[in-house]
Protein backbone atom coordinates (compact mmCIF):
# COMPACT_ATOMS: atom_id res chain seq x y z
CA MET A 1 -5.76 -4.31 8.07
CA ASP A 2 -8.05 -2.70 5.51
CA LEU A 3 -6.08 -4.16 2.62
CA ALA A 4 -5.67 -7.61 4.18
CA LEU A 5 -9.41 -8.05 4.83
CA PRO A 6 -10.65 -7.79 1.21
CA ALA A 7 -7.61 -9.71 -0.04
CA ALA A 8 -8.21 -12.59 2.37
CA SER A 9 -11.95 -12.64 1.64
CA ALA A 10 -11.40 -12.76 -2.12
CA LEU A 11 -8.73 -15.46 -1.96
CA LEU A 12 -10.72 -17.72 0.35
CA ALA A 13 -13.95 -17.30 -1.63
CA SER A 14 -12.22 -18.08 -4.92
CA TYR A 15 -10.36 -21.07 -3.48
CA LEU A 16 -13.51 -22.64 -2.05
CA ALA A 17 -15.59 -21.85 -5.15
CA ILE A 18 -13.21 -22.85 -7.95
CA GLY A 19 -10.13 -24.27 -6.21
CA THR A 20 -7.65 -21.73 -7.52
CA PHE A 21 -6.60 -18.07 -7.48
CA PRO A 22 -9.13 -15.41 -8.45
CA ASN A 23 -8.81 -13.52 -11.70
CA PRO A 24 -5.94 -11.06 -11.01
CA PHE A 25 -7.79 -8.05 -12.42
CA LEU A 26 -10.93 -8.78 -10.41
CA PHE A 27 -8.80 -9.43 -7.33
CA ILE A 28 -7.19 -5.98 -7.60
CA ILE A 29 -10.59 -4.35 -8.17
CA ALA A 30 -11.96 -6.08 -5.06
CA ILE A 31 -9.06 -4.93 -2.88
CA ILE A 32 -9.35 -1.34 -4.11
CA GLY A 33 -13.12 -1.37 -3.67
CA GLY A 34 -13.01 -2.91 -0.21
CA TYR A 35 -10.31 -0.53 0.95
CA ALA A 36 -12.19 2.48 -0.43
CA ALA A 37 -15.43 1.41 1.25
CA ILE A 38 -13.79 1.02 4.66
CA THR A 39 -11.75 4.20 4.38
CA SER A 40 -14.76 6.22 3.26
CA SER A 41 -16.53 5.34 6.49
CA TYR A 42 -13.49 6.42 8.54
CA VAL A 43 -13.37 9.81 6.84
CA TYR A 44 -17.12 10.38 7.20
CA ASN A 45 -16.97 9.44 10.88
CA ASP A 46 -14.21 12.01 11.43
CA CYS A 47 -16.40 14.62 9.77
CA CYS A 48 -19.18 13.85 12.25
CA ASP A 49 -16.88 13.77 15.31
CA VAL A 50 -14.97 17.02 14.92
CA ASP A 51 -16.27 18.45 18.20
CA ILE A 52 -15.38 15.28 20.15
CA ASP A 53 -11.98 14.87 18.47
CA ARG A 54 -11.18 18.47 19.37
CA ILE A 55 -11.01 17.24 22.97
CA ASN A 56 -9.61 13.73 22.56
CA LEU A 57 -7.48 13.86 19.40
CA PRO A 58 -6.50 17.48 18.67
CA ASP A 59 -3.83 16.48 16.13
CA ARG A 60 -6.26 14.92 13.66
CA PRO A 61 -6.36 16.68 10.25
CA LEU A 62 -9.87 18.13 10.55
CA VAL A 63 -9.38 19.36 14.11
CA SER A 64 -5.99 20.89 13.37
CA ASN A 65 -7.36 22.60 10.22
CA MET A 66 -5.08 20.71 7.85
CA LEU A 67 -8.18 20.41 5.67
CA SER A 68 -11.76 21.58 5.88
CA ARG A 69 -14.81 19.48 6.69
CA LYS A 70 -16.13 20.21 3.18
CA GLU A 71 -12.93 18.82 1.66
CA ALA A 72 -13.13 15.73 3.85
CA LEU A 73 -16.75 15.10 2.89
CA LYS A 74 -15.80 15.34 -0.78
CA TYR A 75 -13.01 12.81 -0.19
CA ALA A 76 -15.42 10.46 1.62
CA GLY A 77 -17.83 10.79 -1.31
CA PHE A 78 -15.06 10.09 -3.81
CA LEU A 79 -14.03 6.95 -1.92
CA PHE A 80 -17.65 5.77 -1.85
CA LEU A 81 -17.91 6.27 -5.62
CA VAL A 82 -14.75 4.20 -6.11
CA ALA A 83 -16.16 1.45 -3.88
CA GLY A 84 -19.53 1.61 -5.63
CA ALA A 85 -18.01 1.39 -9.11
CA ALA A 86 -15.90 -1.59 -8.05
CA ALA A 87 -18.88 -3.36 -6.49
CA ILE A 88 -21.14 -2.81 -9.51
CA TYR A 89 -18.41 -4.09 -11.82
CA LEU A 90 -17.80 -7.20 -9.70
CA ASN A 91 -21.39 -8.23 -8.92
CA PRO A 92 -24.65 -6.32 -8.29
CA GLU A 93 -25.04 -8.40 -5.12
CA SER A 94 -21.81 -6.89 -3.83
CA PHE A 95 -23.17 -3.43 -4.57
CA ALA A 96 -26.37 -4.18 -2.64
CA VAL A 97 -24.29 -5.26 0.36
CA LEU A 98 -22.16 -2.11 0.03
CA LEU A 99 -25.24 0.12 0.14
CA LEU A 100 -26.51 -1.69 3.23
CA ALA A 101 -23.12 -1.38 4.95
CA VAL A 102 -22.77 2.32 4.12
CA LEU A 103 -26.29 3.05 5.36
CA THR A 104 -25.61 1.16 8.59
CA ILE A 105 -22.28 2.84 9.37
CA SER A 106 -23.71 6.25 8.47
CA ILE A 107 -26.44 5.74 11.06
CA TYR A 108 -23.70 5.26 13.64
CA SER A 109 -21.61 8.25 12.58
CA LYS A 110 -24.45 10.73 12.11
CA LEU A 111 -27.06 9.66 14.66
CA ALA A 112 -26.55 6.66 16.93
CA LYS A 113 -23.41 7.82 18.73
CA ARG A 114 -25.27 10.87 20.02
CA ILE A 115 -28.44 9.11 21.18
CA THR A 116 -27.76 5.57 22.47
CA PHE A 117 -25.14 3.45 24.26
CA LEU A 118 -25.83 0.78 21.61
CA SER A 119 -24.24 2.93 18.93
CA PHE A 120 -21.44 0.36 18.51
CA VAL A 121 -23.93 -2.22 17.16
CA PRO A 122 -24.29 -0.82 13.61
CA VAL A 123 -20.49 -0.45 13.36
CA GLY A 124 -19.92 -4.18 13.83
CA ILE A 125 -22.75 -5.06 11.48
CA ALA A 126 -21.35 -2.76 8.79
CA TYR A 127 -17.85 -4.19 9.01
CA GLY A 128 -19.20 -7.72 9.15
CA LEU A 129 -20.85 -7.02 5.79
CA VAL A 130 -17.53 -6.02 4.16
CA PRO A 131 -16.14 -9.57 3.71
CA ILE A 132 -19.62 -10.74 2.66
CA GLY A 133 -19.70 -8.17 -0.14
CA ILE A 134 -16.22 -9.21 -1.28
CA TRP A 135 -17.13 -12.88 -1.06
CA LEU A 136 -20.18 -12.48 -3.30
CA ALA A 137 -17.97 -10.99 -6.00
CA PHE A 138 -16.16 -14.33 -6.36
CA ASP A 139 -18.85 -16.75 -5.21
CA PRO A 140 -22.21 -15.17 -6.15
CA ALA A 141 -25.34 -16.26 -4.35
CA GLY A 142 -27.43 -15.69 -7.49
CA ILE A 143 -30.29 -14.03 -5.62
CA LEU A 144 -30.59 -11.19 -8.13
CA LYS A 145 -30.56 -13.58 -11.11
CA SER A 146 -32.80 -16.47 -10.17
CA PRO A 147 -35.33 -17.30 -7.47
CA ASP A 148 -33.92 -20.84 -7.45
CA TYR A 149 -30.47 -19.87 -6.18
CA GLY A 150 -29.87 -22.47 -3.46
CA SER A 151 -27.69 -21.57 -0.48
CA ILE A 152 -26.77 -17.92 -0.07
CA LEU A 153 -23.37 -18.24 1.63
CA PRO A 154 -21.15 -21.15 2.71
CA LEU A 155 -20.27 -21.53 6.39
CA PRO A 156 -16.74 -20.07 6.09
CA ALA A 157 -18.21 -16.84 4.68
CA ILE A 158 -20.76 -16.66 7.49
CA PHE A 159 -18.10 -17.18 10.15
CA LEU A 160 -15.88 -14.61 8.43
CA GLY A 161 -18.65 -12.02 8.67
CA LEU A 162 -19.40 -12.96 12.29
CA MET A 163 -15.73 -12.76 13.22
CA MET A 164 -15.51 -9.26 11.78
CA CYS A 165 -18.73 -8.21 13.50
CA PHE A 166 -17.84 -9.40 17.01
CA THR A 167 -14.20 -8.34 16.90
CA ASP A 168 -15.28 -4.95 15.62
CA TRP A 169 -17.56 -4.51 18.61
CA GLY A 170 -14.52 -5.10 20.80
CA PHE A 171 -12.31 -3.01 18.54
CA THR A 172 -14.71 -0.06 18.35
CA LEU A 173 -15.55 0.02 22.06
CA SER A 174 -11.86 0.05 22.93
CA GLY A 175 -11.51 3.21 20.86
CA VAL A 176 -14.68 4.65 22.38
CA ALA A 177 -13.23 3.99 25.85
CA ARG A 178 -10.22 6.04 24.80
CA ASP A 179 -12.55 8.88 23.81
CA VAL A 180 -14.75 8.73 26.91
CA GLU A 181 -13.93 12.21 28.21
CA GLY A 182 -14.71 13.93 24.93
CA ASP A 183 -17.93 11.93 24.52
CA ARG A 184 -19.00 12.80 28.05
CA ALA A 185 -18.23 16.48 27.52
CA ARG A 186 -20.29 16.54 24.30
CA GLY A 187 -23.20 14.58 25.75
CA ALA A 188 -22.71 11.43 23.69
CA PRO A 189 -24.16 8.52 25.74
CA THR A 190 -21.69 5.89 24.53
CA PHE A 191 -21.24 2.55 26.30
CA PRO A 192 -18.21 3.74 28.36
CA VAL A 193 -19.98 7.00 29.28
CA THR A 194 -23.13 5.14 30.33
CA PHE A 195 -21.64 2.11 32.12
CA GLY A 196 -18.04 3.14 32.79
CA VAL A 197 -14.72 1.93 31.41
CA PRO A 198 -14.45 -1.13 33.75
CA ALA A 199 -17.75 -2.56 32.45
CA THR A 200 -16.67 -1.71 28.90
CA ALA A 201 -13.42 -3.63 29.38
CA LYS A 202 -15.36 -6.76 30.39
CA PHE A 203 -17.75 -6.47 27.47
CA VAL A 204 -14.86 -5.88 25.05
CA THR A 205 -13.14 -9.04 26.31
CA ILE A 206 -16.29 -11.12 25.76
CA MET A 207 -16.51 -9.83 22.19
CA TRP A 208 -12.89 -10.74 21.51
CA VAL A 209 -13.39 -14.24 22.96
CA ILE A 210 -16.34 -14.82 20.61
CA GLY A 211 -14.41 -13.30 17.70
CA VAL A 212 -11.39 -15.54 18.21
CA ILE A 213 -13.66 -18.60 18.41
CA ALA A 214 -15.30 -17.51 15.14
CA SER A 215 -11.85 -17.20 13.52
CA ILE A 216 -11.12 -20.83 14.41
CA ALA A 217 -14.52 -21.79 12.98
CA ILE A 218 -13.46 -20.21 9.67
CA GLY A 219 -10.46 -22.53 9.51
CA LEU A 220 -12.42 -25.62 10.52
CA THR A 221 -15.28 -25.13 8.06
CA ALA A 222 -12.93 -24.17 5.20
CA GLU A 223 -10.46 -26.94 6.12
CA LEU A 224 -7.52 -24.55 6.14
CA GLY A 225 -3.97 -25.57 6.96
CA PRO A 226 -1.51 -25.17 9.85
CA VAL A 227 -0.27 -21.72 8.83
CA PHE A 228 -3.73 -20.24 9.32
CA PHE A 229 -4.37 -22.02 12.60
CA ALA A 230 -0.95 -21.05 13.95
CA GLY A 231 -1.53 -17.40 13.07
CA ALA A 232 -5.13 -17.35 14.31
CA LEU A 233 -4.32 -19.09 17.60
CA LEU A 234 -1.16 -17.12 18.38
CA ALA A 235 -2.66 -13.76 17.41
CA GLY A 236 -5.95 -14.63 19.10
CA GLY A 237 -4.26 -15.77 22.30
CA TRP A 238 -2.16 -12.61 22.37
CA MET A 239 -5.24 -10.48 21.80
CA LEU A 240 -7.12 -12.16 24.64
CA ILE A 241 -4.18 -11.53 26.98
CA GLN A 242 -4.34 -7.85 26.04
CA SER A 243 -8.09 -7.80 26.62
CA PHE A 244 -7.79 -9.32 30.09
CA ASP A 245 -5.10 -6.76 30.84
CA PHE A 246 -7.66 -4.08 29.94
CA ILE A 247 -9.95 -5.58 32.61
CA LYS A 248 -7.11 -5.31 35.13
CA ASN A 249 -6.32 -1.76 34.02
CA PRO A 250 -9.71 -0.26 33.06
CA ILE A 251 -8.55 3.20 32.04
CA SER A 252 -9.14 5.10 28.82
CA GLN A 253 -5.46 5.01 27.81
CA ARG A 254 -5.39 1.21 28.01
CA GLY A 255 -8.50 1.10 25.85
CA GLY A 256 -6.70 3.22 23.28
CA ARG A 257 -3.78 0.81 23.20
CA LEU A 258 -6.13 -2.15 22.84
CA PHE A 259 -7.78 -0.37 19.91
CA LEU A 260 -4.44 -0.27 18.07
CA GLN A 261 -3.60 -3.83 19.10
CA GLY A 262 -6.88 -4.98 17.59
CA SER A 263 -5.83 -3.73 14.18
CA ARG A 264 -2.53 -5.62 14.50
CA TYR A 265 -4.41 -8.80 15.41
CA ARG A 266 -6.54 -8.54 12.31
CA GLY A 267 -3.51 -7.88 10.13
CA ILE A 268 -1.77 -11.01 11.43
CA MET A 269 -4.89 -13.18 11.28
CA PHE A 270 -5.76 -12.17 7.74
CA GLY A 271 -2.11 -12.38 6.69
CA SER A 272 -2.05 -15.97 7.95
CA LEU A 273 -5.23 -16.75 6.03
CA ILE A 274 -3.79 -15.29 2.82
CA LEU A 275 -0.55 -17.26 3.11
CA ASP A 276 -2.41 -20.45 3.98
CA VAL A 277 -4.72 -20.23 0.96
CA ILE A 278 -1.74 -19.55 -1.32
CA LEU A 279 -0.06 -22.71 0.00
CA LEU A 280 -3.26 -24.71 -0.42
CA ILE A 281 -3.45 -23.70 -4.08
CA LEU A 282 0.24 -24.06 -4.95
CA ILE A 283 1.11 -27.19 -2.98
CA PRO A 284 -1.57 -29.91 -3.25
CA ALA A 285 0.06 -32.04 -0.51
CA TYR A 286 -0.23 -29.15 1.93
CA SER A 287 -4.01 -29.58 2.09
CA GLY A 288 -3.60 -33.04 3.63
CA ILE A 289 -1.40 -32.00 6.56
CA LEU A 290 -4.31 -31.43 8.96
CA TRP A 291 -7.10 -33.26 7.16
């Protein structure tokens, strides 16, 4: 999932901006940078949640003493440096978005989860910024170069960011529902702790409905082909079925399964987007199948 997201964002941005594949070297840098940025946030979050994971996920490396918190923080810092170097090399605008995303997700990991049931909000915003940062590397807005820059982002990029944001709210809260007992024991007022798992299941389903609609909007505004729509509709329909099943079975274990299923959905959806863009570039006649 965390490799497919930057790859799909870079390919789609390059295709819509210049009609062909991105520079291979820049493409690899973007994937490495995007992956490092996302993974850094995962590691830092684990460093902040050791006490909760000790209850919910005792086999995780930090909890089971496979490595120390100091070592994990160093690794998170290293990954951030990799992401930062990649972003600066690609486009200063991408670096600015990276800093904003890191600040936002750090607020969640360090502070918000322990003080408000709205702690999931900065997570979705941060992950919605990831494809935007990648996009700007291949289709710069020009804000930092000229005050007369025109439009900041095309509609497909906006819908890509929104899709990531809304689906991540559903994705994150499914995982938080899995961790409800540990959060409750440690006094973290998360959404499931505050409102219960049944209410969380309903909210999660609404987020996935909006996210799937946004994924279709990506295809419509970018005029993508049948491979993307087939993947987005099939994966989206399957994901909605799983979400409604969570409503029928509102228990923490089902939330945990939905959390993993959400990552599979994203992998399939982004994989379909990648394949579709490749076909659009390589086979000119393919672009006319739907349009």
